[in-house]
């Protein structure tokens, strides 16, 4: 049987409040909003809104849960307000990780005092802050995330996210928050479990201008996988709706890509292309934005691709023209591996000056191998979910400029000559080290096309 909350009463309005004035007019004193107002966070009289989306500098604003944590532990919020109103009305509109954790902090404020120094709780609060500020696109150690029970704690949200939110889902939102709170309580009592990350997001499009479009398959862990692969700029297809509409997120994982991947300009253009121009479908902050999670977008991802390419491409050209001319590395490398294997190479390739594109299947690789990417080589494992390195060898031969394939193996035996005869340009065996990557790139240099004088 579902447990009741003692100190808070979750209220799920049919829609988010448009602004502070609507929230103040519709809610009683001592009300708390968790990411429920399309307006700035903060306090107005005896009302509080914990949020980090609208009207903020995202990278300088704490997550809603961290704001609640500071208010409870340092500000003694619950001790001050509960004598006036118990339970406190807490307004939520969804049940994402940040909202669930903030709800736990408010309801279990007494337990928080007892366990505030617990390393697992502190780790989850702090890590949620980093992930949420970056829109889920924070570079992580996936194994550590599983080992410290983060994915297990938020498994109820993952299950709800894969179902999708629709109108009238107030009960589902409350149930999801309750289940996450139960798991956080179990964590503090030493009863936590483990939930491995199994999702493999599909890269739908890799832009030559430094962003990807990916299908999350409805799994919020997809962004963690994409971040571990080194992606920083993302247009994410969150889910396809039964009514034919879509939910998207637009995320710039680094604030320093603002000159080229301009989130505000993108969502303004997406909004203008919608079938309901008078409805506010797109919104968000300077780092992370998206389409309305209930109304959804009418635009297929291919339409977003065309709009984004025009905007980001133009911004990139202006940035290159304005910036001092620096010769870019001649090596764009496509890494076609399982995300866990890609993670082993990504940092090494960047250290060697390579521009890295990623894929995890032959199908994704074929999409990435277009002339605009100027790829000089393919790094691959022997087997892929839908083929093998021989398929990639053939793809490389069909490119405008032949693209050699380097095979990465955990170990090698006497059959290595057969692999070279099958089309591999070279073999690299674990452990992967920078000197090995530098050697391969040096061997590729005379084989691949040198950039022209006019090429950026």
Protein backbone atom coordinates (compact mmCIF):
# COMPACT_ATOMS: atom_id res chain seq x y z
CA UNK A 1 0.00 0.00 0.00
CA UNK A 2 1.29 3.46 -0.94
CA UNK A 3 2.54 5.45 2.05
CA UNK A 4 1.21 8.93 2.77
CA UNK A 5 3.36 12.01 3.00
CA UNK A 6 3.25 13.61 6.44
CA UNK A 7 4.73 17.06 5.96
CA UNK A 8 3.94 17.86 2.32
CA UNK A 9 0.86 17.50 0.14
CA UNK A 10 1.69 16.97 -3.53
CA UNK A 11 -0.57 18.93 -5.84
CA UNK A 12 -0.40 18.45 -9.61
CA UNK A 13 -2.09 21.26 -11.58
CA UNK A 14 -3.33 20.52 -15.11
CA UNK A 15 -0.71 22.92 -16.51
CA UNK A 16 2.32 24.83 -15.29
CA UNK A 17 1.68 28.34 -14.04
CA UNK A 18 2.49 30.96 -16.66
CA UNK A 19 4.14 33.34 -14.19
CA UNK A 20 4.51 34.26 -10.53
CA UNK A 21 1.30 36.28 -10.54
CA UNK A 22 -0.77 33.24 -11.57
CA UNK A 23 0.96 31.10 -8.93
CA UNK A 24 0.36 33.61 -6.15
CA UNK A 25 -3.28 34.04 -7.11
CA UNK A 26 -4.05 30.31 -7.32
CA UNK A 27 -2.20 28.93 -4.29
CA UNK A 28 -2.47 29.45 -0.51
CA UNK A 29 0.25 30.93 1.68
CA UNK A 30 3.20 28.69 2.56
CA UNK A 31 3.03 27.00 -0.85
CA UNK A 32 6.15 25.59 -2.51
CA UNK A 33 6.55 25.15 -6.26
CA UNK A 34 8.97 22.63 -7.75
CA UNK A 35 9.70 23.46 -11.40
CA UNK A 36 6.05 24.37 -11.90
CA UNK A 37 6.17 28.07 -12.91
CA UNK A 38 7.39 29.37 -16.28
CA UNK A 39 9.15 32.16 -14.43
CA UNK A 40 12.21 32.80 -12.29
CA UNK A 41 12.93 30.82 -9.10
CA UNK A 42 13.01 32.45 -5.67
CA UNK A 43 10.76 33.60 -2.83
CA UNK A 44 7.88 36.03 -2.78
CA UNK A 45 6.36 36.50 0.64
CA UNK A 46 5.28 33.10 1.94
CA UNK A 47 5.63 31.39 -1.43
CA UNK A 48 8.77 29.68 -2.79
CA UNK A 49 9.63 28.37 -6.24
CA UNK A 50 12.62 26.03 -6.58
CA UNK A 51 13.66 25.90 -10.24
CA UNK A 52 16.61 26.45 -12.58
CA UNK A 53 15.04 26.73 -16.04
CA UNK A 54 13.42 30.08 -16.85
CA UNK A 55 15.02 33.50 -16.42
CA UNK A 56 18.33 32.16 -15.09
CA UNK A 57 21.93 31.67 -16.10
CA UNK A 58 21.76 27.90 -16.04
CA UNK A 59 25.39 27.14 -15.20
CA UNK A 60 25.28 29.61 -12.29
CA UNK A 61 21.99 28.30 -10.83
CA UNK A 62 21.64 25.32 -8.50
CA UNK A 63 19.22 22.51 -9.29
CA UNK A 64 15.81 22.60 -7.60
CA UNK A 65 16.87 19.82 -5.22
CA UNK A 66 20.05 21.62 -4.21
CA UNK A 67 18.07 24.85 -3.64
CA UNK A 68 15.65 22.88 -1.42
CA UNK A 69 18.57 21.23 0.39
CA UNK A 70 20.12 24.60 1.27
CA UNK A 71 16.72 26.00 2.30
CA UNK A 72 16.04 23.04 4.59
CA UNK A 73 19.46 22.58 6.17
CA UNK A 74 20.74 26.14 6.33
CA UNK A 75 17.49 28.12 6.19
CA UNK A 76 15.42 25.79 8.45
CA UNK A 77 12.53 26.24 6.03
CA UNK A 78 10.38 23.38 7.31
CA UNK A 79 10.77 24.33 10.97
CA UNK A 80 9.71 27.90 10.11
CA UNK A 81 6.72 27.09 7.91
CA UNK A 82 5.19 23.90 9.33
CA UNK A 83 3.78 25.62 12.45
CA UNK A 84 1.72 27.81 10.08
CA UNK A 85 0.62 25.11 7.64
CA UNK A 86 0.91 21.32 7.86
CA UNK A 87 1.12 19.67 5.47
CA UNK A 88 2.69 22.27 3.18
CA UNK A 89 1.17 22.43 -0.34
CA UNK A 90 3.90 21.41 -2.80
CA UNK A 91 3.02 22.00 -6.45
CA UNK A 92 4.68 19.82 -9.08
CA UNK A 93 3.96 19.23 -12.72
CA UNK A 94 6.22 16.28 -13.48
CA UNK A 95 8.28 13.71 -11.60
CA UNK A 96 11.79 14.04 -12.98
CA UNK A 97 14.85 13.24 -10.89
CA UNK A 98 15.27 16.76 -9.60
CA UNK A 99 11.62 17.12 -8.52
CA UNK A 100 11.62 13.69 -6.84
CA UNK A 101 14.79 14.46 -4.90
CA UNK A 102 13.53 17.92 -3.87
CA UNK A 103 10.27 16.35 -2.64
CA UNK A 104 12.26 13.87 -0.55
CA UNK A 105 14.34 16.66 0.97
CA UNK A 106 11.20 18.55 2.02
CA UNK A 107 9.27 15.54 3.36
CA UNK A 108 12.23 13.85 5.07
CA UNK A 109 13.83 17.00 6.49
CA UNK A 110 14.10 15.37 9.93
CA UNK A 111 15.83 12.31 8.48
CA UNK A 112 18.07 14.66 6.53
CA UNK A 113 19.44 16.09 9.75
CA UNK A 114 20.24 12.59 10.95
CA UNK A 115 21.89 11.44 7.71
CA UNK A 116 23.18 14.73 6.22
CA UNK A 117 26.76 13.47 6.39
CA UNK A 118 25.93 10.13 4.77
CA UNK A 119 28.33 9.96 1.78
CA UNK A 120 25.82 8.24 -0.54
CA UNK A 121 23.09 10.81 0.07
CA UNK A 122 25.54 13.69 -0.26
CA UNK A 123 26.91 12.15 -3.45
CA UNK A 124 23.44 11.78 -4.99
CA UNK A 125 22.41 15.36 -4.11
CA UNK A 126 25.63 16.80 -5.49
CA UNK A 127 25.71 14.61 -8.58
CA UNK A 128 22.06 15.33 -9.36
CA UNK A 129 22.96 19.01 -9.21
CA UNK A 130 25.72 18.63 -11.81
CA UNK A 131 23.64 16.45 -14.11
CA UNK A 132 20.53 18.60 -13.91
CA UNK A 133 22.33 21.92 -14.42
CA UNK A 134 23.78 20.44 -17.63
CA UNK A 135 20.43 19.08 -18.83
CA UNK A 136 21.55 15.50 -18.25
CA UNK A 137 24.59 15.91 -20.51
CA UNK A 138 27.30 15.90 -17.84
CA UNK A 139 30.36 13.65 -18.47
CA UNK A 140 30.13 10.79 -16.00
CA UNK A 141 31.70 7.49 -15.08
CA UNK A 142 28.76 5.22 -15.86
CA UNK A 143 30.05 2.40 -13.66
CA UNK A 144 30.34 4.78 -10.69
CA UNK A 145 26.80 6.01 -11.28
CA UNK A 146 25.51 2.44 -11.06
CA UNK A 147 27.76 1.46 -8.16
CA UNK A 148 26.59 4.39 -6.01
CA UNK A 149 22.91 3.45 -6.56
CA UNK A 150 22.04 6.62 -8.50
CA UNK A 151 20.33 4.74 -11.34
CA UNK A 152 18.51 2.43 -8.91
CA UNK A 153 17.15 5.31 -6.83
CA UNK A 154 15.66 7.00 -9.90
CA UNK A 155 14.48 3.84 -11.66
CA UNK A 156 10.78 4.73 -11.02
CA UNK A 157 11.30 8.00 -12.94
CA UNK A 158 12.96 6.11 -15.77
CA UNK A 159 9.97 3.75 -15.98
CA UNK A 160 7.53 6.68 -15.95
CA UNK A 161 9.56 8.58 -18.56
CA UNK A 162 9.45 5.61 -20.93
CA UNK A 163 5.64 5.55 -20.63
CA UNK A 164 5.41 9.28 -21.34
CA UNK A 165 3.35 11.97 -19.63
CA UNK A 166 -0.15 12.77 -20.89
CA UNK A 167 -3.01 14.92 -19.69
CA UNK A 168 -4.63 13.54 -16.56
CA UNK A 169 -1.50 11.79 -15.27
CA UNK A 170 -1.61 13.43 -11.84
CA UNK A 171 -1.77 10.06 -10.10
CA UNK A 172 1.24 8.75 -12.02
CA UNK A 173 3.28 11.83 -11.08
CA UNK A 174 2.47 11.41 -7.38
CA UNK A 175 3.15 7.67 -7.46
CA UNK A 176 6.53 8.15 -9.16
CA UNK A 177 7.63 10.71 -6.56
CA UNK A 178 6.47 8.43 -3.76
CA UNK A 179 8.40 5.46 -5.15
CA UNK A 180 11.62 7.47 -5.56
CA UNK A 181 11.26 8.76 -1.98
CA UNK A 182 10.87 5.17 -0.77
CA UNK A 183 14.08 4.23 -2.53
CA UNK A 184 15.96 7.17 -1.08
CA UNK A 185 14.79 6.09 2.37
CA UNK A 186 15.99 2.55 1.61
CA UNK A 187 19.35 4.02 0.55
CA UNK A 188 19.79 5.66 3.94
CA UNK A 189 18.78 2.47 5.72
CA UNK A 190 21.30 0.34 3.79
CA UNK A 191 18.75 -1.42 1.59
CA UNK A 192 19.70 0.06 -1.80
CA UNK A 193 19.82 -2.01 -4.97
CA UNK A 194 21.63 -1.79 -8.31
CA UNK A 195 20.21 -0.86 -11.74
CA UNK A 196 22.68 -1.20 -14.64
CA UNK A 197 22.59 1.20 -17.58
CA UNK A 198 21.57 -0.82 -20.63
CA UNK A 199 20.25 1.83 -23.00
CA UNK A 200 21.91 2.47 -26.37
CA UNK A 201 20.70 5.80 -27.80
CA UNK A 202 20.52 5.99 -31.59
CA UNK A 203 22.47 8.78 -33.28
CA UNK A 204 20.07 9.96 -35.99
CA UNK A 205 22.34 12.66 -37.38
CA UNK A 206 25.90 13.89 -36.82
CA UNK A 207 26.43 17.49 -37.89
CA UNK A 208 29.73 18.78 -39.25
CA UNK A 209 29.06 21.81 -37.04
CA UNK A 210 29.44 20.03 -33.72
CA UNK A 211 26.05 18.71 -32.66
CA UNK A 212 24.15 15.45 -32.91
CA UNK A 213 20.49 14.51 -33.07
CA UNK A 214 19.78 11.38 -31.04
CA UNK A 215 16.80 9.19 -30.22
CA UNK A 216 16.77 8.58 -26.47
CA UNK A 217 14.37 5.64 -26.85
CA UNK A 218 12.45 7.18 -23.95
CA UNK A 219 15.27 6.41 -21.50
CA UNK A 220 16.72 9.37 -19.52
CA UNK A 221 19.94 7.39 -19.03
CA UNK A 222 20.59 7.92 -22.75
CA UNK A 223 21.97 11.38 -22.06
CA UNK A 224 24.46 9.97 -19.58
CA UNK A 225 25.64 7.55 -22.27
CA UNK A 226 25.90 10.35 -24.83
CA UNK A 227 27.84 12.50 -22.37
CA UNK A 228 30.21 9.61 -21.65
CA UNK A 229 30.80 9.41 -25.41
CA UNK A 230 31.88 13.06 -25.37
CA UNK A 231 28.86 14.75 -26.94
CA UNK A 232 28.23 18.29 -25.69
CA UNK A 233 25.63 19.74 -28.08
CA UNK A 234 22.48 17.71 -28.50
CA UNK A 235 19.02 17.80 -30.03
CA UNK A 236 17.31 14.88 -28.38
CA UNK A 237 14.18 13.06 -29.46
CA UNK A 238 12.78 12.16 -26.04
CA UNK A 239 9.75 10.23 -27.25
CA UNK A 240 7.22 9.79 -30.05
CA UNK A 241 3.63 10.22 -28.91
CA UNK A 242 0.66 8.08 -29.82
CA UNK A 243 -1.00 11.14 -31.38
CA UNK A 244 1.89 11.58 -33.82
CA UNK A 245 3.61 14.46 -31.99
CA UNK A 246 7.09 14.51 -30.45
CA UNK A 247 8.90 15.59 -27.30
CA UNK A 248 12.37 17.10 -27.78
CA UNK A 249 15.17 18.58 -25.70
CA UNK A 250 17.86 20.97 -26.94
CA UNK A 251 20.98 20.95 -24.77
CA UNK A 252 24.27 22.79 -24.93
CA UNK A 253 26.39 20.88 -22.45
CA UNK A 254 29.09 23.55 -22.45
CA UNK A 255 28.36 27.26 -21.91
CA UNK A 256 31.42 28.00 -24.04
CA UNK A 257 29.79 26.77 -27.27
CA UNK A 258 27.33 29.69 -27.18
CA UNK A 259 28.88 31.38 -30.22
CA UNK A 260 27.84 28.50 -32.46
CA UNK A 261 25.18 26.32 -30.79
CA UNK A 262 22.74 29.03 -29.74
CA UNK A 263 19.88 27.41 -27.86
CA UNK A 264 17.70 30.54 -27.75
CA UNK A 265 17.92 31.02 -31.51
CA UNK A 266 17.16 27.36 -32.17
CA UNK A 267 14.01 27.18 -30.06
CA UNK A 268 12.79 30.48 -31.50
CA UNK A 269 13.11 29.02 -35.00
CA UNK A 270 11.50 25.72 -33.97
CA UNK A 271 8.59 27.63 -32.41
CA UNK A 272 8.05 29.60 -35.63
CA UNK A 273 7.86 26.36 -37.64
CA UNK A 274 5.18 24.73 -35.45
CA UNK A 275 1.61 24.03 -36.52
CA UNK A 276 0.29 25.94 -33.48
CA UNK A 277 2.28 29.21 -33.54
CA UNK A 278 0.12 30.82 -30.85
CA UNK A 279 0.76 27.98 -28.37
CA UNK A 280 3.99 28.24 -26.36
CA UNK A 281 5.51 24.90 -27.40
CA UNK A 282 9.24 25.68 -27.04
CA UNK A 283 10.99 27.23 -24.04
CA UNK A 284 13.81 26.87 -21.53
CA UNK A 285 17.10 28.38 -20.40
CA UNK A 286 20.35 29.35 -22.07
CA UNK A 287 21.80 25.82 -21.79
CA UNK A 288 18.81 23.51 -21.90
CA UNK A 289 15.40 23.91 -23.52
CA UNK A 290 12.78 21.80 -25.21
CA UNK A 291 9.25 21.27 -26.43
CA UNK A 292 6.29 21.18 -24.07
CA UNK A 293 6.27 17.76 -22.42
CA UNK A 294 2.47 17.51 -22.60
CA UNK A 295 1.49 19.33 -25.80
CA UNK A 296 4.49 18.12 -27.79
CA UNK A 297 5.97 19.28 -31.09
CA UNK A 298 4.56 18.70 -34.57
CA UNK A 299 8.01 18.70 -36.20
CA UNK A 300 9.77 15.46 -37.22
CA UNK A 301 13.46 15.30 -36.37
CA UNK A 302 14.44 15.77 -40.02
CA UNK A 303 12.75 19.19 -39.97
CA UNK A 304 14.67 20.12 -36.81
CA UNK A 305 17.86 18.95 -38.53
CA UNK A 306 17.30 21.25 -41.51
CA UNK A 307 16.46 24.27 -39.33
CA UNK A 308 19.38 23.63 -36.97
CA UNK A 309 21.90 23.11 -39.76
CA UNK A 310 21.02 26.47 -41.28
CA UNK A 311 21.26 28.32 -37.96
CA UNK A 312 24.31 26.57 -36.49
CA UNK A 313 26.08 26.51 -39.83
CA UNK A 314 25.69 30.26 -40.26
CA UNK A 315 26.79 30.90 -36.67
CA UNK A 316 29.84 28.68 -37.18
CA UNK A 317 30.83 30.53 -40.36
CA UNK A 318 30.55 33.89 -38.60
CA UNK A 319 32.55 32.59 -35.65
CA UNK A 320 35.33 31.23 -37.86
CA UNK A 321 35.46 34.49 -39.83
CA UNK A 322 35.64 36.58 -36.67
CA UNK A 323 38.14 34.33 -34.87
CA UNK A 324 41.88 34.26 -35.57
CA UNK A 325 42.63 31.75 -38.32
CA UNK A 326 43.90 28.54 -36.81
CA UNK A 327 44.43 25.41 -38.83
CA UNK A 328 42.04 22.76 -37.62
CA UNK A 329 43.27 19.22 -37.23
CA UNK A 330 43.11 17.42 -40.59
CA UNK A 331 41.83 14.33 -38.81
CA UNK A 332 38.14 13.88 -38.31
CA UNK A 333 37.80 10.36 -36.89
CA UNK A 334 34.63 8.29 -36.73
CA UNK A 335 34.67 5.94 -33.71
CA UNK A 336 32.24 3.05 -34.23
CA UNK A 337 32.08 1.09 -30.98
CA UNK A 338 29.91 0.31 -27.99
CA UNK A 339 29.70 3.47 -25.81
CA UNK A 340 31.78 1.84 -23.07
CA UNK A 341 34.59 1.19 -25.57
CA UNK A 342 34.27 4.66 -27.09
CA UNK A 343 34.79 6.18 -23.65
CA UNK A 344 38.25 4.55 -23.47
CA UNK A 345 39.37 6.40 -26.61
CA UNK A 346 37.54 9.70 -26.61
CA UNK A 347 39.87 11.64 -24.33
CA UNK A 348 43.01 10.24 -25.98
CA UNK A 349 41.82 11.29 -29.43
CA UNK A 350 41.09 14.83 -28.24
CA UNK A 351 44.57 15.00 -26.69
CA UNK A 352 45.98 14.06 -30.09
CA UNK A 353 44.06 16.90 -31.77
CA UNK A 354 41.44 14.76 -33.52
CA UNK A 355 37.87 15.82 -34.15
CA UNK A 356 35.76 12.90 -32.90
CA UNK A 357 32.47 11.62 -34.29
CA UNK A 358 30.79 8.58 -32.72
CA UNK A 359 28.45 5.76 -33.71
CA UNK A 360 27.63 2.40 -32.16
CA UNK A 361 26.21 0.52 -35.18
CA UNK A 362 26.83 0.20 -38.91
CA UNK A 363 23.60 2.08 -39.60
CA UNK A 364 24.69 5.04 -37.47
CA UNK A 365 28.12 4.96 -39.11
CA UNK A 366 26.60 5.16 -42.60
CA UNK A 367 24.73 8.31 -41.57
CA UNK A 368 27.92 9.91 -40.24
CA UNK A 369 29.96 9.11 -43.36
CA UNK A 370 28.81 12.07 -45.43
CA UNK A 371 31.08 14.58 -47.22
CA UNK A 372 30.43 17.42 -44.77
CA UNK A 373 32.15 15.57 -41.92
CA UNK A 374 35.53 15.36 -43.71
CA UNK A 375 36.39 12.09 -41.98
CA UNK A 376 39.94 10.80 -42.43
CA UNK A 377 39.65 7.44 -40.67
CA UNK A 378 37.31 5.00 -38.97
CA UNK A 379 38.19 3.42 -35.63
CA UNK A 380 36.13 0.29 -34.96
CA UNK A 381 35.86 -2.93 -33.00
CA UNK A 382 35.66 -6.24 -34.84
CA UNK A 383 31.95 -6.89 -34.25
CA UNK A 384 28.98 -4.54 -34.10
CA UNK A 385 25.30 -5.21 -33.30
CA UNK A 386 24.33 -5.09 -36.98
CA UNK A 387 27.51 -6.20 -38.72
CA UNK A 388 31.26 -6.07 -38.47
CA UNK A 389 34.35 -4.13 -39.44
CA UNK A 390 34.22 -5.49 -43.00
CA UNK A 391 30.97 -3.55 -43.54
CA UNK A 392 32.73 -0.39 -42.43
CA UNK A 393 35.67 -1.12 -44.73
CA UNK A 394 33.25 -1.16 -47.67
CA UNK A 395 31.61 2.05 -46.50
CA UNK A 396 35.01 3.71 -46.29
CA UNK A 397 35.80 2.69 -49.86
CA UNK A 398 32.61 4.35 -51.11
CA UNK A 399 33.41 7.72 -49.50
CA UNK A 400 34.47 10.59 -51.82
CA UNK A 401 37.94 10.19 -50.35
CA UNK A 402 38.82 6.59 -49.31
CA UNK A 403 38.57 6.35 -45.52
CA UNK A 404 40.86 3.72 -43.94
CA UNK A 405 39.71 1.61 -41.01
CA UNK A 406 41.77 0.92 -37.90
CA UNK A 407 40.67 -2.07 -35.84
CA UNK A 408 40.75 -1.92 -32.02
CA UNK A 409 40.94 -5.26 -30.23
CA UNK A 410 41.12 -6.42 -26.59
CA UNK A 411 43.77 -8.93 -27.63
CA UNK A 412 45.22 -10.41 -30.80
CA UNK A 413 46.33 -13.87 -31.82
CA UNK A 414 47.87 -15.42 -34.91
CA UNK A 415 44.91 -14.37 -37.05
CA UNK A 416 45.89 -10.72 -37.21
CA UNK A 417 47.16 -11.02 -40.79
CA UNK A 418 43.70 -12.23 -41.87
CA UNK A 419 42.19 -9.05 -40.41
CA UNK A 420 44.61 -6.88 -42.37
CA UNK A 421 43.88 -8.84 -45.53
CA UNK A 422 40.16 -8.31 -44.89
CA UNK A 423 40.68 -4.56 -45.22
CA UNK A 424 41.87 -3.21 -41.85
CA UNK A 425 44.49 -0.51 -42.32
CA UNK A 426 46.07 -1.18 -38.91
CA UNK A 427 45.43 -2.90 -35.58
CA UNK A 428 45.57 -1.42 -32.07
CA UNK A 429 45.44 -3.73 -29.05
CA UNK A 430 44.52 -2.79 -25.47
CA UNK A 431 45.62 -1.10 -23.32
CA UNK A 432 45.01 2.03 -25.44
CA UNK A 433 47.64 4.69 -24.83
CA UNK A 434 48.30 8.10 -26.30
CA UNK A 435 51.54 7.04 -27.96
CA UNK A 436 49.70 4.30 -29.83
CA UNK A 437 47.06 6.73 -31.08
CA UNK A 438 49.74 9.23 -32.14
CA UNK A 439 51.54 6.46 -34.05
CA UNK A 440 48.39 5.53 -35.94
CA UNK A 441 47.62 9.16 -36.82
CA UNK A 442 51.19 9.65 -38.04
CA UNK A 443 50.86 6.57 -40.28
CA UNK A 444 47.55 7.86 -41.64
CA UNK A 445 48.86 11.31 -42.53
CA UNK A 446 50.43 10.46 -45.91
CA UNK A 447 47.55 8.13 -46.76
CA UNK A 448 44.68 10.58 -46.24
CA UNK A 449 43.82 13.74 -48.11
CA UNK A 450 45.49 16.86 -46.79
CA UNK A 451 43.18 19.82 -46.20
CA UNK A 452 43.17 22.52 -48.84
CA UNK A 453 44.39 26.01 -48.11
CA UNK A 454 40.81 27.28 -47.99
CA UNK A 455 39.52 24.53 -45.70
CA UNK A 456 38.89 25.72 -42.12
